[in-house]
Amino acid sequence: MANAEPARIPPSPTARTASARLAGGAAGLFVVATHKVRERTGTPPLRWVPYGTEHAWRPGSRRTLCGEWTAGWTVFWELAFSPQHARACRACVEASLPAESRRRLAPQAAPAPERRSA
């Protein structure tokens, strides 16, 4: 049996977690979506890809960054959330920005009109 094919060993949970952390980028955010479809390009087997709005999700949370519940949603472990993607949820993009950037983007409050005494 010298020519026998070596047994395939599935990746350990630790290895899966490490690769997921790499895919999540520096912020550790992954893409979650309510719907998924098979990719239409490439050769079989075709992978699942998000369909519709792509939300940002941090592992361990039950909500997206914009506050949506993720129960029943698909997590795309191989996809890091990118604020530059056209389908990215705008609220998730804003929530993923550093606090200094969010303050810069916040609309300035209009000054209150002066009251005149009669």
PDB file of N, CA and C in Angstrom:
ATOM      1  N   MET A   1       0.813  -1.195   0.000  1.00  0.00           N
ATOM      2  CA  MET A   1       0.000   0.000   0.000  1.00  0.00           C
ATOM      3  C   MET A   1       0.856   1.259   0.000  1.00  0.00           C
ATOM      4  N   ALA A   2       1.998   1.196  -0.603  1.00  0.00           N
ATOM      5  CA  ALA A   2       2.892   2.342  -0.671  1.00  0.00           C
ATOM      6  C   ALA A   2       2.301   3.454  -1.533  1.00  0.00           C
ATOM      7  N   ASN A   3       1.429   3.104  -2.459  1.00  0.00           N
ATOM      8  CA  ASN A   3       0.845   4.095  -3.348  1.00  0.00           C
ATOM      9  C   ASN A   3      -0.480   4.641  -2.841  1.00  0.00           C
ATOM     10  N   ALA A   4      -0.877   4.293  -1.630  1.00  0.00           N
ATOM     11  CA  ALA A   4      -2.159   4.743  -1.090  1.00  0.00           C
ATOM     12  C   ALA A   4      -2.142   6.256  -0.893  1.00  0.00           C
ATOM     13  N   GLU A   5      -3.270   6.879  -1.193  1.00  0.00           N
ATOM     14  CA  GLU A   5      -3.400   8.323  -1.027  1.00  0.00           C
ATOM     15  C   GLU A   5      -3.477   8.651   0.461  1.00  0.00           C
ATOM     16  N   PRO A   6      -2.773   9.676   0.925  1.00  0.00           N
ATOM     17  CA  PRO A   6      -2.834  10.019   2.350  1.00  0.00           C
ATOM     18  C   PRO A   6      -4.245  10.469   2.728  1.00  0.00           C
ATOM     19  N   ALA A   7      -4.622  10.175   3.955  1.00  0.00           N
ATOM     20  CA  ALA A   7      -5.951  10.556   4.444  1.00  0.00           C
ATOM     21  C   ALA A   7      -6.041  12.073   4.550  1.00  0.00           C
ATOM     22  N   ARG A   8      -7.177  12.592   4.176  1.00  0.00           N
ATOM     23  CA  ARG A   8      -7.386  14.036   4.287  1.00  0.00           C
ATOM     24  C   ARG A   8      -7.859  14.359   5.691  1.00  0.00           C
ATOM     25  N   ILE A   9      -7.187  15.290   6.287  1.00  0.00           N
ATOM     26  CA  ILE A   9      -7.532  15.707   7.642  1.00  0.00           C
ATOM     27  C   ILE A   9      -8.208  17.064   7.541  1.00  0.00           C
ATOM     28  N   PRO A  10      -9.431  17.185   8.068  1.00  0.00           N
ATOM     29  CA  PRO A  10     -10.100  18.490   7.996  1.00  0.00           C
ATOM     30  C   PRO A  10      -9.353  19.505   8.852  1.00  0.00           C
ATOM     31  N   PRO A  11      -9.446  20.783   8.477  1.00  0.00           N
ATOM     32  CA  PRO A  11      -8.756  21.802   9.270  1.00  0.00           C
ATOM     33  C   PRO A  11      -9.305  21.851  10.688  1.00  0.00           C
ATOM     34  N   SER A  12      -8.420  22.108  11.606  1.00  0.00           N
ATOM     35  CA  SER A  12      -8.825  22.185  13.006  1.00  0.00           C
ATOM     36  C   SER A  12      -9.621  23.461  13.243  1.00  0.00           C
ATOM     37  N   PRO A  13     -10.426  23.518  14.307  1.00  0.00           N
ATOM     38  CA  PRO A  13     -11.158  24.755  14.604  1.00  0.00           C
ATOM     39  C   PRO A  13     -10.226  25.939  14.792  1.00  0.00           C
ATOM     40  N   THR A  14      -9.028  25.684  15.327  1.00  0.00           N
ATOM     41  CA  THR A  14      -8.069  26.767  15.517  1.00  0.00           C
ATOM     42  C   THR A  14      -7.615  27.320  14.174  1.00  0.00           C
ATOM     43  N   ALA A  15      -7.341  26.443  13.219  1.00  0.00           N
ATOM     44  CA  ALA A  15      -6.919  26.888  11.892  1.00  0.00           C
ATOM     45  C   ALA A  15      -8.032  27.666  11.210  1.00  0.00           C
ATOM     46  N   ARG A  16      -9.272  27.215  11.372  1.00  0.00           N
ATOM     47  CA  ARG A  16     -10.403  27.916  10.763  1.00  0.00           C
ATOM     48  C   ARG A  16     -10.548  29.304  11.360  1.00  0.00           C
ATOM     49  N   THR A  17     -10.396  29.409  12.676  1.00  0.00           N
ATOM     50  CA  THR A  17     -10.502  30.704  13.342  1.00  0.00           C
ATOM     51  C   THR A  17      -9.400  31.640  12.869  1.00  0.00           C
ATOM     52  N   ALA A  18      -8.185  31.102  12.711  1.00  0.00           N
ATOM     53  CA  ALA A  18      -7.063  31.928  12.267  1.00  0.00           C
ATOM     54  C   ALA A  18      -7.303  32.436  10.850  1.00  0.00           C
ATOM     55  N   SER A  19      -7.780  31.576   9.954  1.00  0.00           N
ATOM     56  CA  SER A  19      -8.032  32.026   8.581  1.00  0.00           C
ATOM     57  C   SER A  19      -9.190  33.012   8.545  1.00  0.00           C
ATOM     58  N   ALA A  20     -10.178  32.829   9.410  1.00  0.00           N
ATOM     59  CA  ALA A  20     -11.302  33.762   9.471  1.00  0.00           C
ATOM     60  C   ALA A  20     -10.832  35.124   9.948  1.00  0.00           C
ATOM     61  N   ARG A  21      -9.930  35.150  10.926  1.00  0.00           N
ATOM     62  CA  ARG A  21      -9.408  36.415  11.412  1.00  0.00           C
ATOM     63  C   ARG A  21      -8.670  37.144  10.299  1.00  0.00           C
ATOM     64  N   LEU A  22      -7.935  36.390   9.482  1.00  0.00           N
ATOM     65  CA  LEU A  22      -7.227  37.004   8.360  1.00  0.00           C
ATOM     66  C   LEU A  22      -8.204  37.583   7.356  1.00  0.00           C
ATOM     67  N   ALA A  23      -9.278  36.863   7.064  1.00  0.00           N
ATOM     68  CA  ALA A  23     -10.264  37.345   6.092  1.00  0.00           C
ATOM     69  C   ALA A  23     -10.992  38.573   6.611  1.00  0.00           C
ATOM     70  N   GLY A  24     -11.200  38.664   7.911  1.00  0.00           N
ATOM     71  CA  GLY A  24     -11.919  39.781   8.495  1.00  0.00           C
ATOM     72  C   GLY A  24     -11.162  41.081   8.501  1.00  0.00           C
ATOM     73  N   GLY A  25      -9.914  41.049   8.109  1.00  0.00           N
ATOM     74  CA  GLY A  25      -9.118  42.267   8.059  1.00  0.00           C
ATOM     75  C   GLY A  25      -8.741  42.757   9.443  1.00  0.00           C
ATOM     76  N   ALA A  26      -8.141  43.927   9.480  1.00  0.00           N
ATOM     77  CA  ALA A  26      -7.652  44.485  10.736  1.00  0.00           C
ATOM     78  C   ALA A  26      -8.789  44.761  11.708  1.00  0.00           C
ATOM     79  N   ALA A  27      -9.957  45.140  11.186  1.00  0.00           N
ATOM     80  CA  ALA A  27     -11.093  45.471  12.048  1.00  0.00           C
ATOM     81  C   ALA A  27     -11.834  44.226  12.517  1.00  0.00           C
ATOM     82  N   GLY A  28     -11.558  43.069  11.911  1.00  0.00           N
ATOM     83  CA  GLY A  28     -12.246  41.834  12.290  1.00  0.00           C
ATOM     84  C   GLY A  28     -13.708  41.822  11.888  1.00  0.00           C
ATOM     85  N   LEU A  29     -14.054  42.509  10.807  1.00  0.00           N
ATOM     86  CA  LEU A  29     -15.435  42.585  10.349  1.00  0.00           C
ATOM     87  C   LEU A  29     -15.638  41.680   9.138  1.00  0.00           C
ATOM     88  N   PHE A  30     -16.752  40.964   9.138  1.00  0.00           N
ATOM     89  CA  PHE A  30     -17.081  40.063   8.047  1.00  0.00           C
ATOM     90  C   PHE A  30     -18.373  40.508   7.377  1.00  0.00           C
ATOM     91  N   VAL A  31     -18.576  40.021   6.166  1.00  0.00           N
ATOM     92  CA  VAL A  31     -19.801  40.302   5.422  1.00  0.00           C
ATOM     93  C   VAL A  31     -20.884  39.328   5.879  1.00  0.00           C
ATOM     94  N   VAL A  32     -22.075  39.853   6.176  1.00  0.00           N
ATOM     95  CA  VAL A  32     -23.270  39.045   6.410  1.00  0.00           C
ATOM     96  C   VAL A  32     -24.356  39.582   5.502  1.00  0.00           C
ATOM     97  N   ALA A  33     -25.245  38.690   5.085  1.00  0.00           N
ATOM     98  CA  ALA A  33     -26.326  39.100   4.183  1.00  0.00           C
ATOM     99  C   ALA A  33     -27.551  38.233   4.434  1.00  0.00           C
ATOM    100  N   THR A  34     -28.700  38.764   4.092  1.00  0.00           N
ATOM    101  CA  THR A  34     -29.945  38.018   4.266  1.00  0.00           C
ATOM    102  C   THR A  34     -30.121  36.970   3.189  1.00  0.00           C
ATOM    103  N   HIS A  35     -29.496  37.174   2.026  1.00  0.00           N
ATOM    104  CA  HIS A  35     -29.647  36.242   0.909  1.00  0.00           C
ATOM    105  C   HIS A  35     -28.289  35.866   0.342  1.00  0.00           C
ATOM    106  N   LYS A  36     -28.243  34.709  -0.305  1.00  0.00           N
ATOM    107  CA  LYS A  36     -27.025  34.272  -0.980  1.00  0.00           C
ATOM    108  C   LYS A  36     -27.401  33.592  -2.284  1.00  0.00           C
ATOM    109  N   VAL A  37     -26.498  33.641  -3.246  1.00  0.00           N
ATOM    110  CA  VAL A  37     -26.676  32.989  -4.544  1.00  0.00           C
ATOM    111  C   VAL A  37     -25.348  32.348  -4.929  1.00  0.00           C
ATOM    112  N   ARG A  38     -25.418  31.466  -5.909  1.00  0.00           N
ATOM    113  CA  ARG A  38     -24.189  30.868  -6.421  1.00  0.00           C
ATOM    114  C   ARG A  38     -23.515  31.850  -7.369  1.00  0.00           C
ATOM    115  N   GLU A  39     -22.204  31.944  -7.280  1.00  0.00           N
ATOM    116  CA  GLU A  39     -21.433  32.798  -8.166  1.00  0.00           C
ATOM    117  C   GLU A  39     -21.643  32.322  -9.605  1.00  0.00           C
ATOM    118  N   ARG A  40     -21.738  33.229 -10.546  1.00  0.00           N
ATOM    119  CA  ARG A  40     -22.038  32.848 -11.933  1.00  0.00           C
ATOM    120  C   ARG A  40     -20.799  32.715 -12.801  1.00  0.00           C
ATOM    121  N   THR A  41     -19.654  33.111 -12.286  1.00  0.00           N
ATOM    122  CA  THR A  41     -18.429  33.028 -13.078  1.00  0.00           C
ATOM    123  C   THR A  41     -17.523  31.951 -12.498  1.00  0.00           C
ATOM    124  N   GLY A  42     -16.635  31.458 -13.304  1.00  0.00           N
ATOM    125  CA  GLY A  42     -15.695  30.450 -12.836  1.00  0.00           C
ATOM    126  C   GLY A  42     -16.149  29.055 -13.196  1.00  0.00           C
ATOM    127  N   THR A  43     -15.460  28.095 -12.628  1.00  0.00           N
ATOM    128  CA  THR A  43     -15.772  26.693 -12.900  1.00  0.00           C
ATOM    129  C   THR A  43     -16.350  26.051 -11.653  1.00  0.00           C
ATOM    130  N   PRO A  44     -17.198  25.053 -11.828  1.00  0.00           N
ATOM    131  CA  PRO A  44     -17.772  24.376 -10.665  1.00  0.00           C
ATOM    132  C   PRO A  44     -16.683  23.752  -9.806  1.00  0.00           C
ATOM    133  N   PRO A  45     -16.872  23.623  -8.528  1.00  0.00           N
ATOM    134  CA  PRO A  45     -18.068  24.018  -7.784  1.00  0.00           C
ATOM    135  C   PRO A  45     -18.092  25.536  -7.558  1.00  0.00           C
ATOM    136  N   LEU A  46     -19.225  26.130  -7.816  1.00  0.00           N
ATOM    137  CA  LEU A  46     -19.386  27.571  -7.668  1.00  0.00           C
ATOM    138  C   LEU A  46     -19.665  27.901  -6.207  1.00  0.00           C
ATOM    139  N   ARG A  47     -19.021  28.948  -5.714  1.00  0.00           N
ATOM    140  CA  ARG A  47     -19.165  29.303  -4.296  1.00  0.00           C
ATOM    141  C   ARG A  47     -20.392  30.187  -4.065  1.00  0.00           C
ATOM    142  N   TRP A  48     -20.832  30.236  -2.812  1.00  0.00           N
ATOM    143  CA  TRP A  48     -21.929  31.112  -2.422  1.00  0.00           C
ATOM    144  C   TRP A  48     -21.390  32.526  -2.270  1.00  0.00           C
ATOM    145  N   VAL A  49     -22.166  33.517  -2.731  1.00  0.00           N
ATOM    146  CA  VAL A  49     -21.797  34.924  -2.601  1.00  0.00           C
ATOM    147  C   VAL A  49     -23.014  35.689  -2.079  1.00  0.00           C
ATOM    148  N   PRO A  50     -22.777  36.823  -1.405  1.00  0.00           N
ATOM    149  CA  PRO A  50     -23.901  37.609  -0.895  1.00  0.00           C
ATOM    150  C   PRO A  50     -24.743  38.174  -2.032  1.00  0.00           C
ATOM    151  N   TYR A  51     -26.041  38.278  -1.784  1.00  0.00           N
ATOM    152  CA  TYR A  51     -26.967  38.869  -2.748  1.00  0.00           C
ATOM    153  C   TYR A  51     -27.671  40.021  -2.053  1.00  0.00           C
ATOM    154  N   GLY A  52     -27.576  41.205  -2.614  1.00  0.00           N
ATOM    155  CA  GLY A  52     -28.201  42.372  -2.002  1.00  0.00           C
ATOM    156  C   GLY A  52     -27.209  43.126  -1.136  1.00  0.00           C
ATOM    157  N   THR A  53     -27.724  43.779  -0.121  1.00  0.00           N
ATOM    158  CA  THR A  53     -26.904  44.608   0.749  1.00  0.00           C
ATOM    159  C   THR A  53     -25.961  43.761   1.585  1.00  0.00           C
ATOM    160  N   GLU A  54     -24.713  44.178   1.654  1.00  0.00           N
ATOM    161  CA  GLU A  54     -23.695  43.509   2.466  1.00  0.00           C
ATOM    162  C   GLU A  54     -23.509  44.311   3.754  1.00  0.00           C
ATOM    163  N   HIS A  55     -23.771  43.670   4.870  1.00  0.00           N
ATOM    164  CA  HIS A  55     -23.643  44.321   6.172  1.00  0.00           C
ATOM    165  C   HIS A  55     -22.344  43.921   6.847  1.00  0.00           C
ATOM    166  N   ALA A  56     -21.876  44.742   7.776  1.00  0.00           N
ATOM    167  CA  ALA A  56     -20.671  44.449   8.557  1.00  0.00           C
ATOM    168  C   ALA A  56     -21.079  43.763   9.850  1.00  0.00           C
ATOM    169  N   TRP A  57     -20.342  42.706  10.197  1.00  0.00           N
ATOM    170  CA  TRP A  57     -20.646  41.932  11.402  1.00  0.00           C
ATOM    171  C   TRP A  57     -19.348  41.568  12.110  1.00  0.00           C
ATOM    172  N   ARG A  58     -19.345  41.700  13.430  1.00  0.00           N
ATOM    173  CA  ARG A  58     -18.197  41.335  14.253  1.00  0.00           C
ATOM    174  C   ARG A  58     -18.526  40.017  14.951  1.00  0.00           C
ATOM    175  N   PRO A  59     -17.660  38.990  14.835  1.00  0.00           N
ATOM    176  CA  PRO A  59     -17.934  37.693  15.477  1.00  0.00           C
ATOM    177  C   PRO A  59     -18.245  37.846  16.960  1.00  0.00           C
ATOM    178  N   GLY A  60     -19.265  37.124  17.399  1.00  0.00           N
ATOM    179  CA  GLY A  60     -19.702  37.176  18.791  1.00  0.00           C
ATOM    180  C   GLY A  60     -20.887  38.093  19.015  1.00  0.00           C
ATOM    181  N   SER A  61     -21.195  38.928  18.027  1.00  0.00           N
ATOM    182  CA  SER A  61     -22.311  39.858  18.135  1.00  0.00           C
ATOM    183  C   SER A  61     -23.560  39.246  17.506  1.00  0.00           C
ATOM    184  N   ARG A  62     -24.706  39.671  17.973  1.00  0.00           N
ATOM    185  CA  ARG A  62     -25.969  39.206  17.385  1.00  0.00           C
ATOM    186  C   ARG A  62     -26.548  40.228  16.418  1.00  0.00           C
ATOM    187  N   ARG A  63     -25.879  41.360  16.282  1.00  0.00           N
ATOM    188  CA  ARG A  63     -26.348  42.433  15.407  1.00  0.00           C
ATOM    189  C   ARG A  63     -25.241  42.877  14.461  1.00  0.00           C
ATOM    190  N   THR A  64     -25.653  43.464  13.352  1.00  0.00           N
ATOM    191  CA  THR A  64     -24.694  44.080  12.439  1.00  0.00           C
ATOM    192  C   THR A  64     -24.269  45.408  13.052  1.00  0.00           C
ATOM    193  N   LEU A  65     -23.313  46.080  12.437  1.00  0.00           N
ATOM    194  CA  LEU A  65     -22.885  47.379  12.962  1.00  0.00           C
ATOM    195  C   LEU A  65     -23.991  48.420  12.872  1.00  0.00           C
ATOM    196  N   CYS A  66     -24.917  48.233  11.922  1.00  0.00           N
ATOM    197  CA  CYS A  66     -26.020  49.198  11.790  1.00  0.00           C
ATOM    198  C   CYS A  66     -27.196  48.860  12.704  1.00  0.00           C
ATOM    199  N   GLY A  67     -27.104  47.738  13.441  1.00  0.00           N
ATOM    200  CA  GLY A  67     -28.139  47.407  14.414  1.00  0.00           C
ATOM    201  C   GLY A  67     -29.134  46.340  13.993  1.00  0.00           C
ATOM    202  N   GLU A  68     -28.994  45.778  12.799  1.00  0.00           N
ATOM    203  CA  GLU A  68     -29.915  44.726  12.336  1.00  0.00           C
ATOM    204  C   GLU A  68     -29.609  43.404  13.049  1.00  0.00           C
ATOM    205  N   TRP A  69     -30.655  42.666  13.422  1.00  0.00           N
ATOM    206  CA  TRP A  69     -30.470  41.334  13.986  1.00  0.00           C
ATOM    207  C   TRP A  69     -29.977  40.393  12.894  1.00  0.00           C
ATOM    208  N   THR A  70     -29.057  39.492  13.230  1.00  0.00           N
ATOM    209  CA  THR A  70     -28.464  38.606  12.225  1.00  0.00           C
ATOM    210  C   THR A  70     -28.989  37.182  12.290  1.00  0.00           C
ATOM    211  N   ALA A  71     -30.028  36.931  13.057  1.00  0.00           N
ATOM    212  CA  ALA A  71     -30.577  35.571  13.167  1.00  0.00           C
ATOM    213  C   ALA A  71     -31.018  35.083  11.788  1.00  0.00           C
ATOM    214  N   GLY A  72     -30.475  33.950  11.363  1.00  0.00           N
ATOM    215  CA  GLY A  72     -30.827  33.379  10.074  1.00  0.00           C
ATOM    216  C   GLY A  72     -30.030  33.930   8.897  1.00  0.00           C
ATOM    217  N   TRP A  73     -29.148  34.887   9.140  1.00  0.00           N
ATOM    218  CA  TRP A  73     -28.358  35.461   8.065  1.00  0.00           C
ATOM    219  C   TRP A  73     -27.138  34.593   7.796  1.00  0.00           C
ATOM    220  N   THR A  74     -26.605  34.683   6.597  1.00  0.00           N
ATOM    221  CA  THR A  74     -25.411  33.935   6.223  1.00  0.00           C
ATOM    222  C   THR A  74     -24.170  34.775   6.505  1.00  0.00           C
ATOM    223  N   VAL A  75     -23.192  34.159   7.173  1.00  0.00           N
ATOM    224  CA  VAL A  75     -21.898  34.806   7.395  1.00  0.00           C
ATOM    225  C   VAL A  75     -20.954  34.319   6.307  1.00  0.00           C
ATOM    226  N   PHE A  76     -20.330  35.232   5.619  1.00  0.00           N
ATOM    227  CA  PHE A  76     -19.361  34.892   4.576  1.00  0.00           C
ATOM    228  C   PHE A  76     -17.972  35.032   5.183  1.00  0.00           C
ATOM    229  N   TRP A  77     -17.505  33.946   5.800  1.00  0.00           N
ATOM    230  CA  TRP A  77     -16.251  33.944   6.542  1.00  0.00           C
ATOM    231  C   TRP A  77     -15.061  34.306   5.682  1.00  0.00           C
ATOM    232  N   GLU A  78     -15.140  34.062   4.389  1.00  0.00           N
ATOM    233  CA  GLU A  78     -14.004  34.338   3.516  1.00  0.00           C
ATOM    234  C   GLU A  78     -13.997  35.772   2.999  1.00  0.00           C
ATOM    235  N   LEU A  79     -15.028  36.557   3.334  1.00  0.00           N
ATOM    236  CA  LEU A  79     -15.126  37.936   2.846  1.00  0.00           C
ATOM    237  C   LEU A  79     -15.005  38.940   3.987  1.00  0.00           C
ATOM    238  N   ALA A  80     -13.985  39.757   3.922  1.00  0.00           N
ATOM    239  CA  ALA A  80     -13.853  40.854   4.882  1.00  0.00           C
ATOM    240  C   ALA A  80     -14.781  41.984   4.442  1.00  0.00           C
ATOM    241  N   PHE A  81     -15.412  42.663   5.404  1.00  0.00           N
ATOM    242  CA  PHE A  81     -16.276  43.791   5.070  1.00  0.00           C
ATOM    243  C   PHE A  81     -15.423  44.921   4.520  1.00  0.00           C
ATOM    244  N   SER A  82     -15.834  45.468   3.394  1.00  0.00           N
ATOM    245  CA  SER A  82     -15.124  46.590   2.778  1.00  0.00           C
ATOM    246  C   SER A  82     -16.071  47.764   2.622  1.00  0.00           C
ATOM    247  N   PRO A  83     -15.741  48.894   3.234  1.00  0.00           N
ATOM    248  CA  PRO A  83     -16.584  50.082   3.077  1.00  0.00           C
ATOM    249  C   PRO A  83     -16.584  50.622   1.659  1.00  0.00           C
ATOM    250  N   GLN A  84     -15.653  50.172   0.834  1.00  0.00           N
ATOM    251  CA  GLN A  84     -15.554  50.675  -0.532  1.00  0.00           C
ATOM    252  C   GLN A  84     -16.400  49.872  -1.506  1.00  0.00           C
ATOM    253  N   HIS A  85     -16.986  48.779  -1.066  1.00  0.00           N
ATOM    254  CA  HIS A  85     -17.791  47.941  -1.958  1.00  0.00           C
ATOM    255  C   HIS A  85     -19.123  48.632  -2.235  1.00  0.00           C
ATOM    256  N   ALA A  86     -19.591  48.558  -3.468  1.00  0.00           N
ATOM    257  CA  ALA A  86     -20.819  49.250  -3.881  1.00  0.00           C
ATOM    258  C   ALA A  86     -22.052  48.757  -3.121  1.00  0.00           C
ATOM    259  N   ARG A  87     -22.079  47.500  -2.723  1.00  0.00           N
ATOM    260  CA  ARG A  87     -23.251  46.949  -2.038  1.00  0.00           C
ATOM    261  C   ARG A  87     -23.177  47.064  -0.519  1.00  0.00           C
ATOM    262  N   ALA A  88     -22.137  47.699   0.003  1.00  0.00           N
ATOM    263  CA  ALA A  88     -21.983  47.825   1.454  1.00  0.00           C
ATOM    264  C   ALA A  88     -23.072  48.721   2.032  1.00  0.00           C
ATOM    265  N   CYS A  89     -23.633  48.294   3.151  1.00  0.00           N
ATOM    266  CA  CYS A  89     -24.657  49.069   3.864  1.00  0.00           C
ATOM    267  C   CYS A  89     -24.035  50.401   4.313  1.00  0.00           C
ATOM    268  N   ARG A  90     -24.671  51.501   3.960  1.00  0.00           N
ATOM    269  CA  ARG A  90     -24.138  52.827   4.290  1.00  0.00           C
ATOM    270  C   ARG A  90     -24.038  53.033   5.803  1.00  0.00           C
ATOM    271  N   ALA A  91     -25.022  52.552   6.549  1.00  0.00           N
ATOM    272  CA  ALA A  91     -24.981  52.716   8.014  1.00  0.00           C
ATOM    273  C   ALA A  91     -23.848  51.892   8.613  1.00  0.00           C
ATOM    274  N   CYS A  92     -23.597  50.698   8.070  1.00  0.00           N
ATOM    275  CA  CYS A  92     -22.472  49.869   8.545  1.00  0.00           C
ATOM    276  C   CYS A  92     -21.145  50.536   8.209  1.00  0.00           C
ATOM    277  N   VAL A  93     -21.070  51.165   7.042  1.00  0.00           N
ATOM    278  CA  VAL A  93     -19.844  51.870   6.658  1.00  0.00           C
ATOM    279  C   VAL A  93     -19.562  52.977   7.658  1.00  0.00           C
ATOM    280  N   GLU A  94     -20.563  53.779   7.965  1.00  0.00           N
ATOM    281  CA  GLU A  94     -20.368  54.870   8.926  1.00  0.00           C
ATOM    282  C   GLU A  94     -19.999  54.349  10.301  1.00  0.00           C
ATOM    283  N   ALA A  95     -20.636  53.253  10.734  1.00  0.00           N
ATOM    284  CA  ALA A  95     -20.348  52.687  12.051  1.00  0.00           C
ATOM    285  C   ALA A  95     -18.955  52.073  12.109  1.00  0.00           C
ATOM    286  N   SER A  96     -18.400  51.687  10.965  1.00  0.00           N
ATOM    287  CA  SER A  96     -17.068  51.078  10.951  1.00  0.00           C
ATOM    288  C   SER A  96     -15.952  52.125  10.961  1.00  0.00           C
ATOM    289  N   LEU A  97     -16.300  53.374  10.740  1.00  0.00           N
ATOM    290  CA  LEU A  97     -15.293  54.440  10.727  1.00  0.00           C
ATOM    291  C   LEU A  97     -14.839  54.770  12.143  1.00  0.00           C
ATOM    292  N   PRO A  98     -13.610  55.265  12.304  1.00  0.00           N
ATOM    293  CA  PRO A  98     -13.167  55.723  13.627  1.00  0.00           C
ATOM    294  C   PRO A  98     -14.030  56.887  14.100  1.00  0.00           C
ATOM    295  N   ALA A  99     -14.094  57.083  15.397  1.00  0.00           N
ATOM    296  CA  ALA A  99     -14.948  58.128  15.980  1.00  0.00           C
ATOM    297  C   ALA A  99     -14.625  59.509  15.419  1.00  0.00           C
ATOM    298  N   GLU A 100     -13.340  59.804  15.181  1.00  0.00           N
ATOM    299  CA  GLU A 100     -12.953  61.122  14.660  1.00  0.00           C
ATOM    300  C   GLU A 100     -13.571  61.350  13.278  1.00  0.00           C
ATOM    301  N   SER A 101     -13.584  60.313  12.461  1.00  0.00           N
ATOM    302  CA  SER A 101     -14.161  60.437  11.123  1.00  0.00           C
ATOM    303  C   SER A 101     -15.664  60.629  11.194  1.00  0.00           C
ATOM    304  N   ARG A 102     -16.331  59.922  12.103  1.00  0.00           N
ATOM    305  CA  ARG A 102     -17.793  60.066  12.227  1.00  0.00           C
ATOM    306  C   ARG A 102     -18.149  61.480  12.655  1.00  0.00           C
ATOM    307  N   ARG A 103     -17.361  62.073  13.564  1.00  0.00           N
ATOM    308  CA  ARG A 103     -17.638  63.441  13.994  1.00  0.00           C
ATOM    309  C   ARG A 103     -17.473  64.419  12.844  1.00  0.00           C
ATOM    310  N   ARG A 104     -16.472  64.177  11.994  1.00  0.00           N
ATOM    311  CA  ARG A 104     -16.248  65.059  10.843  1.00  0.00           C
ATOM    312  C   ARG A 104     -17.391  64.976   9.850  1.00  0.00           C
ATOM    313  N   LEU A 105     -18.001  63.790   9.713  1.00  0.00           N
ATOM    314  CA  LEU A 105     -19.078  63.610   8.741  1.00  0.00           C
ATOM    315  C   LEU A 105     -20.443  64.042   9.266  1.00  0.00           C
ATOM    316  N   ALA A 106     -20.564  64.188  10.587  1.00  0.00           N
ATOM    317  CA  ALA A 106     -21.855  64.545  11.184  1.00  0.00           C
ATOM    318  C   ALA A 106     -22.243  65.952  10.751  1.00  0.00           C
ATOM    319  N   PRO A 107     -23.505  66.136  10.402  1.00  0.00           N
ATOM    320  CA  PRO A 107     -23.939  67.492  10.010  1.00  0.00           C
ATOM    321  C   PRO A 107     -23.840  68.443  11.197  1.00  0.00           C
ATOM    322  N   GLN A 108     -23.438  69.644  10.910  1.00  0.00           N
ATOM    323  CA  GLN A 108     -23.324  70.661  11.953  1.00  0.00           C
ATOM    324  C   GLN A 108     -24.713  71.120  12.372  1.00  0.00           C
ATOM    325  N   ALA A 109     -24.896  71.266  13.650  1.00  0.00           N
ATOM    326  CA  ALA A 109     -26.182  71.741  14.161  1.00  0.00           C
ATOM    327  C   ALA A 109     -26.344  73.212  13.825  1.00  0.00           C
ATOM    328  N   ALA A 110     -27.516  73.586  13.352  1.00  0.00           N
ATOM    329  CA  ALA A 110     -27.783  74.982  13.024  1.00  0.00           C
ATOM    330  C   ALA A 110     -27.921  75.766  14.310  1.00  0.00           C
ATOM    331  N   PRO A 111     -27.373  76.980  14.365  1.00  0.00           N
ATOM    332  CA  PRO A 111     -27.506  77.775  15.570  1.00  0.00           C
ATOM    333  C   PRO A 111     -28.972  78.156  15.807  1.00  0.00           C
ATOM    334  N   ALA A 112     -29.347  78.173  17.047  1.00  0.00           N
ATOM    335  CA  ALA A 112     -30.730  78.515  17.403  1.00  0.00           C
ATOM    336  C   ALA A 112     -30.974  79.986  17.092  1.00  0.00           C
ATOM    337  N   PRO A 113     -32.164  80.313  16.578  1.00  0.00           N
ATOM    338  CA  PRO A 113     -32.458  81.717  16.281  1.00  0.00           C
ATOM    339  C   PRO A 113     -32.512  82.531  17.573  1.00  0.00           C
ATOM    340  N   GLU A 114     -32.077  83.768  17.475  1.00  0.00           N
ATOM    341  CA  GLU A 114     -32.088  84.635  18.654  1.00  0.00           C
ATOM    342  C   GLU A 114     -33.511  85.060  18.974  1.00  0.00           C
ATOM    343  N   ARG A 115     -33.821  85.110  20.237  1.00  0.00           N
ATOM    344  CA  ARG A 115     -35.163  85.540  20.660  1.00  0.00           C
ATOM    345  C   ARG A 115     -35.123  87.008  21.048  1.00  0.00           C
ATOM    346  N   ARG A 116     -36.081  87.715  20.564  1.00  0.00           N
ATOM    347  CA  ARG A 116     -36.156  89.135  20.891  1.00  0.00           C
ATOM    348  C   ARG A 116     -37.243  89.347  21.920  1.00  0.00           C
ATOM    349  N   SER A 117     -36.942  90.176  22.862  1.00  0.00           N
ATOM    350  CA  SER A 117     -37.976  90.472  23.873  1.00  0.00           C
ATOM    351  C   SER A 117     -38.871  91.588  23.359  1.00  0.00           C
ATOM    352  N   ALA A 118     -40.115  91.512  23.729  1.00  0.00           N
ATOM    353  CA  ALA A 118     -41.078  92.483  23.232  1.00  0.00           C
ATOM    354  C   ALA A 118     -41.110  93.731  24.019  1.00  0.00           C
TER     355      ALA A 118
END
